[in-house]
Amino acid sequence: MTSQVIVKKQKLDNPPFKIHYLGDRVLRQSAKRISRVDDDTRRLIRKMLQTMYSADGIGLAAPQVGIQKQLIVIDCEPDNAATPPLVLINPTIKKLSKEISPFQEGCLSIPGVYMDVTRPEVIEVSFKDESGRPRTIRATELLSRAIQHEMDHLEGVLFVDRVENQFALTQELTKHKFSPKAVNHIQS
């Protein structure tokens, strides 16, 4: 899928970006649309991929590295060198399935915390790729969940905002030294 952005799937000792953590205001801001996909955009994509692989992640949104742009990188198979990452610029969900299911999620911005979040199982999403071409894909399973999770970041929403079991969430956040007050609970 990604042809113009080539990055080795490896950990770097000094990744290009620092990941922001729960409690940092930058994670609560809405990202702005990208008006033009150019070499600067592709450099940013490369750096985001390097940062994501270095942190053992499968997805990263630009706001997580302090950049308020509607840009997401995802790789559900980071250990498979033959599978290219997916780049979504200005993504928009066009369709959501009525079928929903809970699944355990984690986040590079909240390391160590894993909680169940209920989301639609299937989505259709439109976006521009790293070449600026419009694309639409139907995503299921882990890819669907990863896209929805990362798209939430573009709106200043974190997965912990969607956790229904507030008691367990408070315990888990406290255990990992995060403040439960940093959660903006979303009613389902």
Protein backbone atom coordinates (compact mmCIF):
# COMPACT_ATOMS: atom_id res chain seq x y z
CA MET A 1 0.00 0.00 0.00
CA THR A 2 2.79 2.42 0.82
CA SER A 3 5.16 2.83 -2.08
CA GLN A 4 6.71 6.27 -1.66
CA VAL A 5 7.48 5.92 2.03
CA ILE A 6 10.07 3.23 2.65
CA VAL A 7 11.11 2.62 6.25
CA LYS A 8 12.79 -0.41 7.81
CA LYS A 9 10.60 -2.03 10.42
CA GLN A 10 13.10 -1.73 13.25
CA LYS A 11 13.61 -0.13 16.63
CA LEU A 12 15.79 2.96 16.75
CA ASP A 13 17.77 3.97 19.84
CA ASN A 14 16.79 7.59 19.18
CA PRO A 15 13.44 7.74 17.39
CA PRO A 16 12.73 11.02 15.58
CA PHE A 17 9.77 12.00 17.80
CA LYS A 18 8.88 11.93 21.48
CA ILE A 19 5.45 10.43 22.17
CA HIS A 20 3.16 12.53 24.36
CA TYR A 21 1.38 10.87 27.29
CA LEU A 22 -2.06 11.01 28.90
CA GLY A 23 -2.35 14.33 30.72
CA ASP A 24 -0.51 16.30 28.02
CA ARG A 25 -2.88 18.94 26.61
CA VAL A 26 -1.62 18.42 23.05
CA LEU A 27 -3.48 15.06 22.99
CA ARG A 28 -6.81 16.82 23.59
CA GLN A 29 -6.62 19.19 20.61
CA SER A 30 -8.32 18.58 17.26
CA ALA A 31 -5.99 18.05 14.32
CA LYS A 32 -6.15 20.15 11.15
CA ARG A 33 -6.65 18.81 7.64
CA ILE A 34 -3.58 18.50 5.43
CA SER A 35 -4.08 20.67 2.34
CA ARG A 36 -1.21 19.33 0.25
CA VAL A 37 0.59 16.00 0.24
CA ASP A 38 4.22 16.70 -0.64
CA ASP A 39 7.77 15.64 0.23
CA ASP A 40 7.50 17.33 3.65
CA THR A 41 4.40 15.23 4.35
CA ARG A 42 6.24 12.07 3.29
CA ARG A 43 9.21 12.97 5.55
CA LEU A 44 6.76 13.36 8.43
CA ILE A 45 5.23 9.97 7.57
CA ARG A 46 8.68 8.33 7.61
CA LYS A 47 9.50 9.84 11.00
CA MET A 48 6.13 8.76 12.40
CA LEU A 49 6.66 5.20 11.17
CA GLN A 50 10.16 5.11 12.68
CA THR A 51 8.74 6.37 15.98
CA MET A 52 5.88 3.84 15.91
CA TYR A 53 8.18 0.88 15.19
CA SER A 54 10.63 2.04 17.86
CA ALA A 55 7.81 2.04 20.43
CA ASP A 56 6.49 -1.40 19.38
CA GLY A 57 3.21 0.10 18.23
CA ILE A 58 0.81 -0.80 15.44
CA GLY A 59 -0.61 2.70 15.01
CA LEU A 60 0.33 6.31 15.58
CA ALA A 61 -1.54 9.56 15.00
CA ALA A 62 0.29 12.83 14.41
CA PRO A 63 -1.14 14.48 17.58
CA GLN A 64 0.62 11.80 19.66
CA VAL A 65 3.93 13.30 18.57
CA GLY A 66 2.74 16.88 19.03
CA ILE A 67 1.79 17.57 15.40
CA GLN A 68 -1.79 18.75 14.93
CA LYS A 69 -2.34 17.28 11.46
CA GLN A 70 -4.86 14.67 10.30
CA LEU A 71 -2.30 11.98 9.63
CA ILE A 72 -2.25 8.36 10.80
CA VAL A 73 0.18 5.51 10.21
CA ILE A 74 -0.84 1.90 10.90
CA ASP A 75 0.90 -1.44 10.56
CA CYS A 76 -1.02 -4.41 11.97
CA GLU A 77 1.90 -6.69 11.01
CA PRO A 78 5.01 -4.84 12.21
CA ASP A 79 7.05 -8.06 12.26
CA ASN A 80 6.27 -8.85 8.61
CA ALA A 81 8.68 -6.95 6.36
CA ALA A 82 6.63 -7.90 3.28
CA THR A 83 3.49 -6.12 4.50
CA PRO A 84 3.61 -2.35 3.93
CA PRO A 85 2.17 0.09 6.47
CA LEU A 86 -1.04 1.98 5.80
CA VAL A 87 -0.96 5.79 5.67
CA LEU A 88 -4.22 7.71 6.11
CA ILE A 89 -4.29 11.45 5.46
CA ASN A 90 -7.50 13.36 6.31
CA PRO A 91 -9.42 10.14 7.02
CA THR A 92 -13.22 10.13 7.17
CA ILE A 93 -15.37 7.20 8.23
CA LYS A 94 -18.11 6.72 5.62
CA LYS A 95 -19.87 3.68 7.09
CA LEU A 96 -19.96 1.89 10.44
CA SER A 97 -21.40 -1.58 10.95
CA LYS A 98 -24.25 -2.04 13.40
CA GLU A 99 -22.36 -4.99 14.85
CA ILE A 100 -20.20 -3.88 17.76
CA SER A 101 -17.82 -5.81 19.95
CA PRO A 102 -15.51 -5.22 22.91
CA PHE A 103 -11.78 -5.72 22.45
CA GLN A 104 -8.79 -4.91 24.61
CA GLU A 105 -6.96 -1.78 23.47
CA GLY A 106 -3.74 -0.12 24.50
CA CYS A 107 -2.07 3.10 23.41
CA LEU A 108 1.48 4.37 23.00
CA SER A 109 0.34 7.51 24.85
CA ILE A 110 -0.78 5.44 27.87
CA PRO A 111 1.88 2.70 28.16
CA GLY A 112 1.00 -0.37 30.19
CA VAL A 113 -2.75 0.32 30.30
CA TYR A 114 -4.99 -2.15 28.45
CA MET A 115 -8.77 -2.02 28.71
CA ASP A 116 -11.82 -3.24 26.79
CA VAL A 117 -13.42 -0.75 24.41
CA THR A 118 -16.58 -1.43 22.40
CA ARG A 119 -16.45 -0.31 18.76
CA PRO A 120 -18.13 -1.13 15.43
CA GLU A 121 -16.63 -4.27 13.90
CA VAL A 122 -16.49 -3.05 10.29
CA ILE A 123 -15.88 0.41 8.86
CA GLU A 124 -15.51 2.03 5.48
CA VAL A 125 -13.00 4.86 5.52
CA SER A 126 -11.97 7.39 2.87
CA PHE A 127 -8.60 9.12 2.95
CA LYS A 128 -5.67 10.27 0.87
CA ASP A 129 -2.62 8.04 0.67
CA GLU A 130 1.03 9.13 0.85
CA SER A 131 0.87 10.11 -2.85
CA GLY A 132 -2.19 12.30 -2.32
CA ARG A 133 -4.49 9.86 -4.14
CA PRO A 134 -8.01 9.46 -2.75
CA ARG A 135 -8.72 5.95 -1.46
CA THR A 136 -11.55 4.14 0.26
CA ILE A 137 -11.15 0.84 2.08
CA ARG A 138 -13.37 -1.50 4.04
CA ALA A 139 -11.64 -2.49 7.26
CA THR A 140 -12.46 -5.36 9.61
CA GLU A 141 -11.01 -6.89 12.76
CA LEU A 142 -7.76 -5.38 14.06
CA LEU A 143 -7.39 -2.92 11.17
CA SER A 144 -10.90 -1.54 11.75
CA ARG A 145 -10.19 -1.10 15.44
CA ALA A 146 -6.76 0.48 14.86
CA ILE A 147 -8.18 3.00 12.37
CA GLN A 148 -11.00 3.98 14.74
CA HIS A 149 -8.58 4.25 17.67
CA GLU A 150 -6.13 6.45 15.75
CA MET A 151 -8.91 8.58 14.24
CA ASP A 152 -10.10 9.33 17.78
CA HIS A 153 -6.69 10.92 18.41
CA LEU A 154 -7.38 13.36 15.56
CA GLU A 155 -10.37 14.63 17.58
CA GLY A 156 -8.56 14.76 20.93
CA VAL A 157 -10.18 11.52 22.14
CA LEU A 158 -8.20 8.72 23.83
CA PHE A 159 -9.33 5.11 24.16
CA VAL A 160 -9.64 5.48 27.95
CA ASP A 161 -12.41 8.04 27.33
CA ARG A 162 -14.48 5.18 25.84
CA VAL A 163 -13.90 2.61 28.62
CA GLU A 164 -17.20 1.74 30.30
CA ASN A 165 -15.81 0.14 33.48
CA GLN A 166 -14.71 3.32 35.25
CA PHE A 167 -13.74 1.53 38.46
CA ALA A 168 -11.33 -0.84 36.69
CA LEU A 169 -10.02 2.04 34.59
CA THR A 170 -9.24 4.15 37.67
CA GLN A 171 -7.36 1.21 39.22
CA GLU A 172 -5.39 0.53 36.03
CA LEU A 173 -4.46 4.19 35.46
CA THR A 174 -3.39 4.66 39.08
CA LYS A 175 -1.30 1.48 38.94
CA HIS A 176 0.59 2.91 35.94
CA LYS A 177 0.99 6.38 37.49
CA PHE A 178 -1.58 8.17 35.31
CA SER A 179 -4.22 10.48 36.74
CA PRO A 180 -7.83 9.30 36.29
CA LYS A 181 -8.70 13.03 36.15
CA ALA A 182 -7.08 13.14 32.69
CA VAL A 183 -9.93 10.99 31.30
CA ASN A 184 -12.83 12.70 29.47
CA HIS A 185 -15.44 9.95 29.73
CA ILE A 186 -17.69 9.57 26.68
CA GLN A 187 -21.17 8.20 27.35
CA SER A 188 -22.06 5.36 24.96
